[in-house]
């Protein structure tokens, strides 16, 4: 989930698709907090 969301987030940023970019950040954050990466999840 974190990997796919990160790729989607980058693709959205390149295309200026802000809604997808924000959602991609939130999904990656939700995946990272479950993986124990609290710092990365908080930033995202």
ModelCIF file with pLDDT and N, C-alpha, C, O atoms, coordinates in Angstrom:
data_MODEL
#
_entry.id   MODEL 
#
_entity.id                         1 
_entity.type                       polymer 
_entity.pdbx_number_of_molecules   1 
#
_entity_poly.entity_id                      1 
_entity_poly.type                           'polypeptide(L)' 
_entity_poly.nstd_linkage                   no 
_entity_poly.nstd_monomer                   no 
_entity_poly.pdbx_seq_one_letter_code       
;(UNK)(UNK)(UNK)(UNK)(UNK)(UNK)(UNK)(UNK)(UNK)(UNK)(UNK)(UNK)(UNK)(UNK)(UNK)(UNK)
(UNK)(UNK)(UNK)(UNK)(UNK)(UNK)(UNK)(UNK)(UNK)(UNK)(UNK)(UNK)(UNK)(UNK)(UNK)(UNK)
(UNK)(UNK)(UNK)(UNK)(UNK)(UNK)(UNK)(UNK)(UNK)(UNK)(UNK)(UNK)
;
_entity_poly.pdbx_seq_one_letter_code_can   XXXXXXXXXXXXXXXXXXXXXXXXXXXXXXXXXXXXXXXXXXXX 
_entity_poly.pdbx_strand_id                 A 
#
loop_
_entity_poly_seq.entity_id 
_entity_poly_seq.num 
_entity_poly_seq.mon_id 
_entity_poly_seq.hetero 
1 1  UNK n 
1 2  UNK n 
1 3  UNK n 
1 4  UNK n 
1 5  UNK n 
1 6  UNK n 
1 7  UNK n 
1 8  UNK n 
1 9  UNK n 
1 10 UNK n 
1 11 UNK n 
1 12 UNK n 
1 13 UNK n 
1 14 UNK n 
1 15 UNK n 
1 16 UNK n 
1 17 UNK n 
1 18 UNK n 
1 19 UNK n 
1 20 UNK n 
1 21 UNK n 
1 22 UNK n 
1 23 UNK n 
1 24 UNK n 
1 25 UNK n 
1 26 UNK n 
1 27 UNK n 
1 28 UNK n 
1 29 UNK n 
1 30 UNK n 
1 31 UNK n 
1 32 UNK n 
1 33 UNK n 
1 34 UNK n 
1 35 UNK n 
1 36 UNK n 
1 37 UNK n 
1 38 UNK n 
1 39 UNK n 
1 40 UNK n 
1 41 UNK n 
1 42 UNK n 
1 43 UNK n 
1 44 UNK n 
#
_struct_asym.id          A 
_struct_asym.entity_id   1 
#
loop_
_ma_qa_metric.id 
_ma_qa_metric.mode 
_ma_qa_metric.name 
_ma_qa_metric.software_group_id 
_ma_qa_metric.type 
1 global pLDDT . pLDDT 
2 local  pLDDT . pLDDT 
#
_ma_qa_metric_global.metric_id      1 
_ma_qa_metric_global.metric_value   93.18 
_ma_qa_metric_global.model_id       1 
_ma_qa_metric_global.ordinal_id     1 
#
loop_
_ma_qa_metric_local.label_asym_id 
_ma_qa_metric_local.label_comp_id 
_ma_qa_metric_local.label_seq_id 
_ma_qa_metric_local.metric_id 
_ma_qa_metric_local.metric_value 
_ma_qa_metric_local.model_id 
_ma_qa_metric_local.ordinal_id 
A UNK 1  2 95.00 1 1  
A UNK 2  2 95.00 1 2  
A UNK 3  2 95.00 1 3  
A UNK 4  2 96.00 1 4  
A UNK 5  2 95.00 1 5  
A UNK 6  2 95.00 1 6  
A UNK 7  2 94.00 1 7  
A UNK 8  2 94.00 1 8  
A UNK 9  2 93.00 1 9  
A UNK 10 2 93.00 1 10 
A UNK 11 2 92.00 1 11 
A UNK 12 2 91.00 1 12 
A UNK 13 2 90.00 1 13 
A UNK 14 2 87.00 1 14 
A UNK 15 2 86.00 1 15 
A UNK 16 2 85.00 1 16 
A UNK 17 2 89.00 1 17 
A UNK 18 2 90.00 1 18 
A UNK 19 2 92.00 1 19 
A UNK 20 2 93.00 1 20 
A UNK 21 2 94.00 1 21 
A UNK 22 2 94.00 1 22 
A UNK 23 2 95.00 1 23 
A UNK 24 2 95.00 1 24 
A UNK 25 2 95.00 1 25 
A UNK 26 2 95.00 1 26 
A UNK 27 2 96.00 1 27 
A UNK 28 2 96.00 1 28 
A UNK 29 2 95.00 1 29 
A UNK 30 2 95.00 1 30 
A UNK 31 2 95.00 1 31 
A UNK 32 2 95.00 1 32 
A UNK 33 2 94.00 1 33 
A UNK 34 2 94.00 1 34 
A UNK 35 2 93.00 1 35 
A UNK 36 2 92.00 1 36 
A UNK 37 2 93.00 1 37 
A UNK 38 2 92.00 1 38 
A UNK 39 2 93.00 1 39 
A UNK 40 2 93.00 1 40 
A UNK 41 2 93.00 1 41 
A UNK 42 2 95.00 1 42 
A UNK 43 2 94.00 1 43 
A UNK 44 2 94.00 1 44 
#
loop_
_atom_site.group_PDB 
_atom_site.id 
_atom_site.type_symbol 
_atom_site.label_atom_id 
_atom_site.label_alt_id 
_atom_site.label_comp_id 
_atom_site.label_asym_id 
_atom_site.label_entity_id 
_atom_site.label_seq_id 
_atom_site.pdbx_PDB_ins_code 
_atom_site.Cartn_x 
_atom_site.Cartn_y 
_atom_site.Cartn_z 
_atom_site.occupancy 
_atom_site.B_iso_or_equiv 
_atom_site.pdbx_formal_charge 
_atom_site.auth_seq_id 
_atom_site.auth_comp_id 
_atom_site.auth_asym_id 
_atom_site.auth_atom_id 
_atom_site.pdbx_PDB_model_num 
ATOM 1   N N  . UNK A 1 1  ? 0.834  -1.207 0.000   1.00 95.00 ? 1  UNK A N  1 
ATOM 2   C CA . UNK A 1 1  ? 0.000  0.000  0.000   1.00 95.00 ? 1  UNK A CA 1 
ATOM 3   C C  . UNK A 1 1  ? 0.868  1.256  0.000   1.00 95.00 ? 1  UNK A C  1 
ATOM 4   O O  . UNK A 1 1  ? 0.601  2.208  -0.734  1.00 95.00 ? 1  UNK A O  1 
ATOM 5   N N  . UNK A 1 2  ? 1.913  1.248  0.834   1.00 95.00 ? 2  UNK A N  1 
ATOM 6   C CA . UNK A 1 2  ? 2.791  2.414  0.902   1.00 95.00 ? 2  UNK A CA 1 
ATOM 7   C C  . UNK A 1 2  ? 3.526  2.627  -0.415  1.00 95.00 ? 2  UNK A C  1 
ATOM 8   O O  . UNK A 1 2  ? 3.681  3.760  -0.870  1.00 95.00 ? 2  UNK A O  1 
ATOM 9   N N  . UNK A 1 3  ? 3.974  1.547  -1.019  1.00 95.00 ? 3  UNK A N  1 
ATOM 10  C CA . UNK A 1 3  ? 4.711  1.634  -2.287  1.00 95.00 ? 3  UNK A CA 1 
ATOM 11  C C  . UNK A 1 3  ? 3.826  2.170  -3.415  1.00 95.00 ? 3  UNK A C  1 
ATOM 12  O O  . UNK A 1 3  ? 4.218  3.081  -4.143  1.00 95.00 ? 3  UNK A O  1 
ATOM 13  N N  . UNK A 1 4  ? 2.633  1.593  -3.549  1.00 96.00 ? 4  UNK A N  1 
ATOM 14  C CA . UNK A 1 4  ? 1.728  2.016  -4.625  1.00 96.00 ? 4  UNK A CA 1 
ATOM 15  C C  . UNK A 1 4  ? 1.259  3.456  -4.401  1.00 96.00 ? 4  UNK A C  1 
ATOM 16  O O  . UNK A 1 4  ? 1.181  4.242  -5.345  1.00 96.00 ? 4  UNK A O  1 
ATOM 17  N N  . UNK A 1 5  ? 0.950  3.794  -3.153  1.00 95.00 ? 5  UNK A N  1 
ATOM 18  C CA . UNK A 1 5  ? 0.503  5.157  -2.849  1.00 95.00 ? 5  UNK A CA 1 
ATOM 19  C C  . UNK A 1 5  ? 1.601  6.178  -3.141  1.00 95.00 ? 5  UNK A C  1 
ATOM 20  O O  . UNK A 1 5  ? 1.328  7.273  -3.634  1.00 95.00 ? 5  UNK A O  1 
ATOM 21  N N  . UNK A 1 6  ? 2.849  5.806  -2.831  1.00 95.00 ? 6  UNK A N  1 
ATOM 22  C CA . UNK A 1 6  ? 3.965  6.717  -3.112  1.00 95.00 ? 6  UNK A CA 1 
ATOM 23  C C  . UNK A 1 6  ? 4.116  6.950  -4.607  1.00 95.00 ? 6  UNK A C  1 
ATOM 24  O O  . UNK A 1 6  ? 4.358  8.077  -5.038  1.00 95.00 ? 6  UNK A O  1 
ATOM 25  N N  . UNK A 1 7  ? 3.975  5.885  -5.407  1.00 94.00 ? 7  UNK A N  1 
ATOM 26  C CA . UNK A 1 7  ? 4.052  6.028  -6.868  1.00 94.00 ? 7  UNK A CA 1 
ATOM 27  C C  . UNK A 1 7  ? 2.906  6.882  -7.401  1.00 94.00 ? 7  UNK A C  1 
ATOM 28  O O  . UNK A 1 7  ? 3.100  7.733  -8.269  1.00 94.00 ? 7  UNK A O  1 
ATOM 29  N N  . UNK A 1 8  ? 1.699  6.638  -6.861  1.00 94.00 ? 8  UNK A N  1 
ATOM 30  C CA . UNK A 1 8  ? 0.540  7.429  -7.290  1.00 94.00 ? 8  UNK A CA 1 
ATOM 31  C C  . UNK A 1 8  ? 0.734  8.896  -6.918  1.00 94.00 ? 8  UNK A C  1 
ATOM 32  O O  . UNK A 1 8  ? 0.396  9.794  -7.688  1.00 94.00 ? 8  UNK A O  1 
ATOM 33  N N  . UNK A 1 9  ? 1.272  9.119  -5.748  1.00 93.00 ? 9  UNK A N  1 
ATOM 34  C CA . UNK A 1 9  ? 1.506  10.488 -5.278  1.00 93.00 ? 9  UNK A CA 1 
ATOM 35  C C  . UNK A 1 9  ? 2.469  11.221 -6.195  1.00 93.00 ? 9  UNK A C  1 
ATOM 36  O O  . UNK A 1 9  ? 2.253  12.388 -6.522  1.00 93.00 ? 9  UNK A O  1 
ATOM 37  N N  . UNK A 1 10 ? 3.540  10.538 -6.614  1.00 93.00 ? 10 UNK A N  1 
ATOM 38  C CA . UNK A 1 10 ? 4.504  11.162 -7.520  1.00 93.00 ? 10 UNK A CA 1 
ATOM 39  C C  . UNK A 1 10 ? 3.868  11.450 -8.878  1.00 93.00 ? 10 UNK A C  1 
ATOM 40  O O  . UNK A 1 10 ? 4.080  12.513 -9.461  1.00 93.00 ? 10 UNK A O  1 
ATOM 41  N N  . UNK A 1 11 ? 3.077  10.479 -9.381  1.00 92.00 ? 11 UNK A N  1 
ATOM 42  C CA . UNK A 1 11 ? 2.405  10.691 -10.660 1.00 92.00 ? 11 UNK A CA 1 
ATOM 43  C C  . UNK A 1 11 ? 1.435  11.852 -10.597 1.00 92.00 ? 11 UNK A C  1 
ATOM 44  O O  . UNK A 1 11 ? 1.335  12.642 -11.535 1.00 92.00 ? 11 UNK A O  1 
ATOM 45  N N  . UNK A 1 12 ? 0.713  11.954 -9.478  1.00 91.00 ? 12 UNK A N  1 
ATOM 46  C CA . UNK A 1 12 ? -0.234 13.056 -9.313  1.00 91.00 ? 12 UNK A CA 1 
ATOM 47  C C  . UNK A 1 12 ? 0.481  14.395 -9.229  1.00 91.00 ? 12 UNK A C  1 
ATOM 48  O O  . UNK A 1 12 ? 0.007  15.396 -9.766  1.00 91.00 ? 12 UNK A O  1 
ATOM 49  N N  . UNK A 1 13 ? 1.628  14.409 -8.553  1.00 90.00 ? 13 UNK A N  1 
ATOM 50  C CA . UNK A 1 13 ? 2.394  15.661 -8.422  1.00 90.00 ? 13 UNK A CA 1 
ATOM 51  C C  . UNK A 1 13 ? 2.900  16.121 -9.788  1.00 90.00 ? 13 UNK A C  1 
ATOM 52  O O  . UNK A 1 13 ? 2.862  17.311 -10.100 1.00 90.00 ? 13 UNK A O  1 
ATOM 53  N N  . UNK A 1 14 ? 3.375  15.176 -10.601 1.00 87.00 ? 14 UNK A N  1 
ATOM 54  C CA . UNK A 1 14 ? 3.867  15.523 -11.937 1.00 87.00 ? 14 UNK A CA 1 
ATOM 55  C C  . UNK A 1 14 ? 2.768  16.110 -12.811 1.00 87.00 ? 14 UNK A C  1 
ATOM 56  O O  . UNK A 1 14 ? 3.032  16.948 -13.673 1.00 87.00 ? 14 UNK A O  1 
ATOM 57  N N  . UNK A 1 15 ? 1.528  15.667 -12.585 1.00 86.00 ? 15 UNK A N  1 
ATOM 58  C CA . UNK A 1 15 ? 0.410  16.105 -13.409 1.00 86.00 ? 15 UNK A CA 1 
ATOM 59  C C  . UNK A 1 15 ? -0.432 17.188 -12.742 1.00 86.00 ? 15 UNK A C  1 
ATOM 60  O O  . UNK A 1 15 ? -1.458 17.603 -13.281 1.00 86.00 ? 15 UNK A O  1 
ATOM 61  N N  . UNK A 1 16 ? 0.003  17.643 -11.572 1.00 85.00 ? 16 UNK A N  1 
ATOM 62  C CA . UNK A 1 16 ? -0.716 18.673 -10.814 1.00 85.00 ? 16 UNK A CA 1 
ATOM 63  C C  . UNK A 1 16 ? -2.133 18.237 -10.458 1.00 85.00 ? 16 UNK A C  1 
ATOM 64  O O  . UNK A 1 16 ? -3.045 19.063 -10.422 1.00 85.00 ? 16 UNK A O  1 
ATOM 65  N N  . UNK A 1 17 ? -2.325 16.942 -10.195 1.00 89.00 ? 17 UNK A N  1 
ATOM 66  C CA . UNK A 1 17 ? -3.624 16.420 -9.771  1.00 89.00 ? 17 UNK A CA 1 
ATOM 67  C C  . UNK A 1 17 ? -3.658 16.457 -8.243  1.00 89.00 ? 17 UNK A C  1 
ATOM 68  O O  . UNK A 1 17 ? -3.340 15.469 -7.580  1.00 89.00 ? 17 UNK A O  1 
ATOM 69  N N  . UNK A 1 18 ? -4.042 17.597 -7.701  1.00 90.00 ? 18 UNK A N  1 
ATOM 70  C CA . UNK A 1 18 ? -3.841 17.833 -6.270  1.00 90.00 ? 18 UNK A CA 1 
ATOM 71  C C  . UNK A 1 18 ? -4.689 16.914 -5.395  1.00 90.00 ? 18 UNK A C  1 
ATOM 72  O O  . UNK A 1 18 ? -4.229 16.498 -4.332  1.00 90.00 ? 18 UNK A O  1 
ATOM 73  N N  . UNK A 1 19 ? -5.909 16.586 -5.809  1.00 92.00 ? 19 UNK A N  1 
ATOM 74  C CA . UNK A 1 19 ? -6.752 15.714 -4.986  1.00 92.00 ? 19 UNK A CA 1 
ATOM 75  C C  . UNK A 1 19 ? -6.106 14.339 -4.827  1.00 92.00 ? 19 UNK A C  1 
ATOM 76  O O  . UNK A 1 19 ? -6.041 13.802 -3.722  1.00 92.00 ? 19 UNK A O  1 
ATOM 77  N N  . UNK A 1 20 ? -5.631 13.777 -5.930  1.00 93.00 ? 20 UNK A N  1 
ATOM 78  C CA . UNK A 1 20 ? -4.967 12.479 -5.867  1.00 93.00 ? 20 UNK A CA 1 
ATOM 79  C C  . UNK A 1 20 ? -3.664 12.564 -5.076  1.00 93.00 ? 20 UNK A C  1 
ATOM 80  O O  . UNK A 1 20 ? -3.301 11.626 -4.366  1.00 93.00 ? 20 UNK A O  1 
ATOM 81  N N  . UNK A 1 21 ? -2.966 13.686 -5.202  1.00 94.00 ? 21 UNK A N  1 
ATOM 82  C CA . UNK A 1 21 ? -1.710 13.856 -4.463  1.00 94.00 ? 21 UNK A CA 1 
ATOM 83  C C  . UNK A 1 21 ? -1.969 13.834 -2.959  1.00 94.00 ? 21 UNK A C  1 
ATOM 84  O O  . UNK A 1 21 ? -1.257 13.166 -2.209  1.00 94.00 ? 21 UNK A O  1 
ATOM 85  N N  . UNK A 1 22 ? -2.995 14.573 -2.522  1.00 94.00 ? 22 UNK A N  1 
ATOM 86  C CA . UNK A 1 22 ? -3.322 14.612 -1.092  1.00 94.00 ? 22 UNK A CA 1 
ATOM 87  C C  . UNK A 1 22 ? -3.774 13.239 -0.598  1.00 94.00 ? 22 UNK A C  1 
ATOM 88  O O  . UNK A 1 22 ? -3.376 12.794 0.478   1.00 94.00 ? 22 UNK A O  1 
ATOM 89  N N  . UNK A 1 23 ? -4.601 12.581 -1.391  1.00 95.00 ? 23 UNK A N  1 
ATOM 90  C CA . UNK A 1 23 ? -5.104 11.266 -0.984  1.00 95.00 ? 23 UNK A CA 1 
ATOM 91  C C  . UNK A 1 23 ? -3.961 10.250 -0.940  1.00 95.00 ? 23 UNK A C  1 
ATOM 92  O O  . UNK A 1 23 ? -3.907 9.405  -0.047  1.00 95.00 ? 23 UNK A O  1 
ATOM 93  N N  . UNK A 1 24 ? -3.057 10.338 -1.903  1.00 95.00 ? 24 UNK A N  1 
ATOM 94  C CA . UNK A 1 24 ? -1.899 9.450  -1.907  1.00 95.00 ? 24 UNK A CA 1 
ATOM 95  C C  . UNK A 1 24 ? -1.051 9.627  -0.654  1.00 95.00 ? 24 UNK A C  1 
ATOM 96  O O  . UNK A 1 24 ? -0.579 8.648  -0.076  1.00 95.00 ? 24 UNK A O  1 
ATOM 97  N N  . UNK A 1 25 ? -0.857 10.882 -0.232  1.00 95.00 ? 25 UNK A N  1 
ATOM 98  C CA . UNK A 1 25 ? -0.105 11.139 0.997   1.00 95.00 ? 25 UNK A CA 1 
ATOM 99  C C  . UNK A 1 25 ? -0.797 10.508 2.202   1.00 95.00 ? 25 UNK A C  1 
ATOM 100 O O  . UNK A 1 25 ? -0.149 9.887  3.045   1.00 95.00 ? 25 UNK A O  1 
ATOM 101 N N  . UNK A 1 26 ? -2.124 10.673 2.277   1.00 95.00 ? 26 UNK A N  1 
ATOM 102 C CA . UNK A 1 26 ? -2.866 10.148 3.424   1.00 95.00 ? 26 UNK A CA 1 
ATOM 103 C C  . UNK A 1 26 ? -2.820 8.624  3.464   1.00 95.00 ? 26 UNK A C  1 
ATOM 104 O O  . UNK A 1 26 ? -2.660 8.032  4.531   1.00 95.00 ? 26 UNK A O  1 
ATOM 105 N N  . UNK A 1 27 ? -2.962 7.985  2.293   1.00 96.00 ? 27 UNK A N  1 
ATOM 106 C CA . UNK A 1 27 ? -2.920 6.514  2.248   1.00 96.00 ? 27 UNK A CA 1 
ATOM 107 C C  . UNK A 1 27 ? -1.537 6.010  2.635   1.00 96.00 ? 27 UNK A C  1 
ATOM 108 O O  . UNK A 1 27 ? -1.414 5.061  3.410   1.00 96.00 ? 27 UNK A O  1 
ATOM 109 N N  . UNK A 1 28 ? -0.496 6.639  2.100   1.00 96.00 ? 28 UNK A N  1 
ATOM 110 C CA . UNK A 1 28 ? 0.867  6.224  2.454   1.00 96.00 ? 28 UNK A CA 1 
ATOM 111 C C  . UNK A 1 28 ? 1.120  6.410  3.943   1.00 96.00 ? 28 UNK A C  1 
ATOM 112 O O  . UNK A 1 28 ? 1.772  5.578  4.574   1.00 96.00 ? 28 UNK A O  1 
ATOM 113 N N  . UNK A 1 29 ? 0.606  7.500  4.505   1.00 95.00 ? 29 UNK A N  1 
ATOM 114 C CA . UNK A 1 29 ? 0.766  7.731  5.946   1.00 95.00 ? 29 UNK A CA 1 
ATOM 115 C C  . UNK A 1 29 ? 0.086  6.627  6.746   1.00 95.00 ? 29 UNK A C  1 
ATOM 116 O O  . UNK A 1 29 ? 0.644  6.124  7.721   1.00 95.00 ? 29 UNK A O  1 
ATOM 117 N N  . UNK A 1 30 ? -1.141 6.249  6.324   1.00 95.00 ? 30 UNK A N  1 
ATOM 118 C CA . UNK A 1 30 ? -1.870 5.195  7.038   1.00 95.00 ? 30 UNK A CA 1 
ATOM 119 C C  . UNK A 1 30 ? -1.143 3.860  6.954   1.00 95.00 ? 30 UNK A C  1 
ATOM 120 O O  . UNK A 1 30 ? -1.168 3.079  7.905   1.00 95.00 ? 30 UNK A O  1 
ATOM 121 N N  . UNK A 1 31 ? -0.495 3.592  5.822   1.00 95.00 ? 31 UNK A N  1 
ATOM 122 C CA . UNK A 1 31 ? 0.257  2.344  5.680   1.00 95.00 ? 31 UNK A CA 1 
ATOM 123 C C  . UNK A 1 31 ? 1.535  2.381  6.515   1.00 95.00 ? 31 UNK A C  1 
ATOM 124 O O  . UNK A 1 31 ? 1.896  1.394  7.157   1.00 95.00 ? 31 UNK A O  1 
ATOM 125 N N  . UNK A 1 32 ? 2.212  3.523  6.501   1.00 95.00 ? 32 UNK A N  1 
ATOM 126 C CA . UNK A 1 32 ? 3.502  3.622  7.215   1.00 95.00 ? 32 UNK A CA 1 
ATOM 127 C C  . UNK A 1 32 ? 3.320  3.554  8.734   1.00 95.00 ? 32 UNK A C  1 
ATOM 128 O O  . UNK A 1 32 ? 4.171  3.004  9.433   1.00 95.00 ? 32 UNK A O  1 
ATOM 129 N N  . UNK A 1 33 ? 2.233  4.099  9.244   1.00 94.00 ? 33 UNK A N  1 
ATOM 130 C CA . UNK A 1 33 ? 2.046  4.048  10.695  1.00 94.00 ? 33 UNK A CA 1 
ATOM 131 C C  . UNK A 1 33 ? 1.821  2.603  11.142  1.00 94.00 ? 33 UNK A C  1 
ATOM 132 O O  . UNK A 1 33 ? 2.198  2.236  12.255  1.00 94.00 ? 33 UNK A O  1 
ATOM 133 N N  . UNK A 1 34 ? 1.213  1.783  10.288  1.00 94.00 ? 34 UNK A N  1 
ATOM 134 C CA . UNK A 1 34 ? 1.031  0.365  10.611  1.00 94.00 ? 34 UNK A CA 1 
ATOM 135 C C  . UNK A 1 34 ? 2.342  -0.405 10.497  1.00 94.00 ? 34 UNK A C  1 
ATOM 136 O O  . UNK A 1 34 ? 2.505  -1.461 11.109  1.00 94.00 ? 34 UNK A O  1 
ATOM 137 N N  . UNK A 1 35 ? 3.280  0.131  9.707   1.00 93.00 ? 35 UNK A N  1 
ATOM 138 C CA . UNK A 1 35 ? 4.590  -0.508 9.551   1.00 93.00 ? 35 UNK A CA 1 
ATOM 139 C C  . UNK A 1 35 ? 5.567  -0.066 10.637  1.00 93.00 ? 35 UNK A C  1 
ATOM 140 O O  . UNK A 1 35 ? 6.692  -0.561 10.707  1.00 93.00 ? 35 UNK A O  1 
ATOM 141 N N  . UNK A 1 36 ? 5.130  0.872  11.485  1.00 92.00 ? 36 UNK A N  1 
ATOM 142 C CA . UNK A 1 36 ? 5.981  1.346  12.569  1.00 92.00 ? 36 UNK A CA 1 
ATOM 143 C C  . UNK A 1 36 ? 6.796  2.579  12.250  1.00 92.00 ? 36 UNK A C  1 
ATOM 144 O O  . UNK A 1 36 ? 7.586  3.028  13.081  1.00 92.00 ? 36 UNK A O  1 
ATOM 145 N N  . UNK A 1 37 ? 6.621  3.136  11.060  1.00 93.00 ? 37 UNK A N  1 
ATOM 146 C CA . UNK A 1 37 ? 7.362  4.343  10.668  1.00 93.00 ? 37 UNK A CA 1 
ATOM 147 C C  . UNK A 1 37 ? 6.567  5.570  11.118  1.00 93.00 ? 37 UNK A C  1 
ATOM 148 O O  . UNK A 1 37 ? 5.923  6.234  10.306  1.00 93.00 ? 37 UNK A O  1 
ATOM 149 N N  . UNK A 1 38 ? 6.617  5.864  12.412  1.00 92.00 ? 38 UNK A N  1 
ATOM 150 C CA . UNK A 1 38 ? 5.794  6.943  12.955  1.00 92.00 ? 38 UNK A CA 1 
ATOM 151 C C  . UNK A 1 38 ? 6.238  8.314  12.456  1.00 92.00 ? 38 UNK A C  1 
ATOM 152 O O  . UNK A 1 38 ? 5.404  9.194  12.242  1.00 92.00 ? 38 UNK A O  1 
ATOM 153 N N  . UNK A 1 39 ? 7.544  8.503  12.270  1.00 93.00 ? 39 UNK A N  1 
ATOM 154 C CA . UNK A 1 39 ? 8.036  9.805  11.827  1.00 93.00 ? 39 UNK A CA 1 
ATOM 155 C C  . UNK A 1 39 ? 7.564  10.107 10.399  1.00 93.00 ? 39 UNK A C  1 
ATOM 156 O O  . UNK A 1 39 ? 7.022  11.176 10.119  1.00 93.00 ? 39 UNK A O  1 
ATOM 157 N N  . UNK A 1 40 ? 7.786  9.133  9.504   1.00 93.00 ? 40 UNK A N  1 
ATOM 158 C CA . UNK A 1 40 ? 7.354  9.335  8.116   1.00 93.00 ? 40 UNK A CA 1 
ATOM 159 C C  . UNK A 1 40 ? 5.849  9.489  8.019   1.00 93.00 ? 40 UNK A C  1 
ATOM 160 O O  . UNK A 1 40 ? 5.356  10.312 7.248   1.00 93.00 ? 40 UNK A O  1 
ATOM 161 N N  . UNK A 1 41 ? 5.111  8.702  8.799   1.00 93.00 ? 41 UNK A N  1 
ATOM 162 C CA . UNK A 1 41 ? 3.651  8.777  8.775   1.00 93.00 ? 41 UNK A CA 1 
ATOM 163 C C  . UNK A 1 41 ? 3.166  10.143 9.249   1.00 93.00 ? 41 UNK A C  1 
ATOM 164 O O  . UNK A 1 41 ? 2.230  10.709 8.683   1.00 93.00 ? 41 UNK A O  1 
ATOM 165 N N  . UNK A 1 42 ? 3.812  10.672 10.297  1.00 95.00 ? 42 UNK A N  1 
ATOM 166 C CA . UNK A 1 42 ? 3.411  11.985 10.826  1.00 95.00 ? 42 UNK A CA 1 
ATOM 167 C C  . UNK A 1 42 ? 3.637  13.080 9.793   1.00 95.00 ? 42 UNK A C  1 
ATOM 168 O O  . UNK A 1 42 ? 2.781  13.943 9.599   1.00 95.00 ? 42 UNK A O  1 
ATOM 169 N N  . UNK A 1 43 ? 4.787  13.046 9.133   1.00 94.00 ? 43 UNK A N  1 
ATOM 170 C CA . UNK A 1 43 ? 5.080  14.062 8.122   1.00 94.00 ? 43 UNK A CA 1 
ATOM 171 C C  . UNK A 1 43 ? 4.072  14.007 6.971   1.00 94.00 ? 43 UNK A C  1 
ATOM 172 O O  . UNK A 1 43 ? 3.585  15.041 6.513   1.00 94.00 ? 43 UNK A O  1 
ATOM 173 N N  . UNK A 1 44 ? 3.766  12.800 6.514   1.00 94.00 ? 44 UNK A N  1 
ATOM 174 C CA . UNK A 1 44 ? 2.844  12.643 5.390   1.00 94.00 ? 44 UNK A CA 1 
ATOM 175 C C  . UNK A 1 44 ? 1.423  13.072 5.775   1.00 94.00 ? 44 UNK A C  1 
ATOM 176 O O  . UNK A 1 44 ? 0.513  13.006 4.948   1.00 94.00 ? 44 UNK A O  1 
#
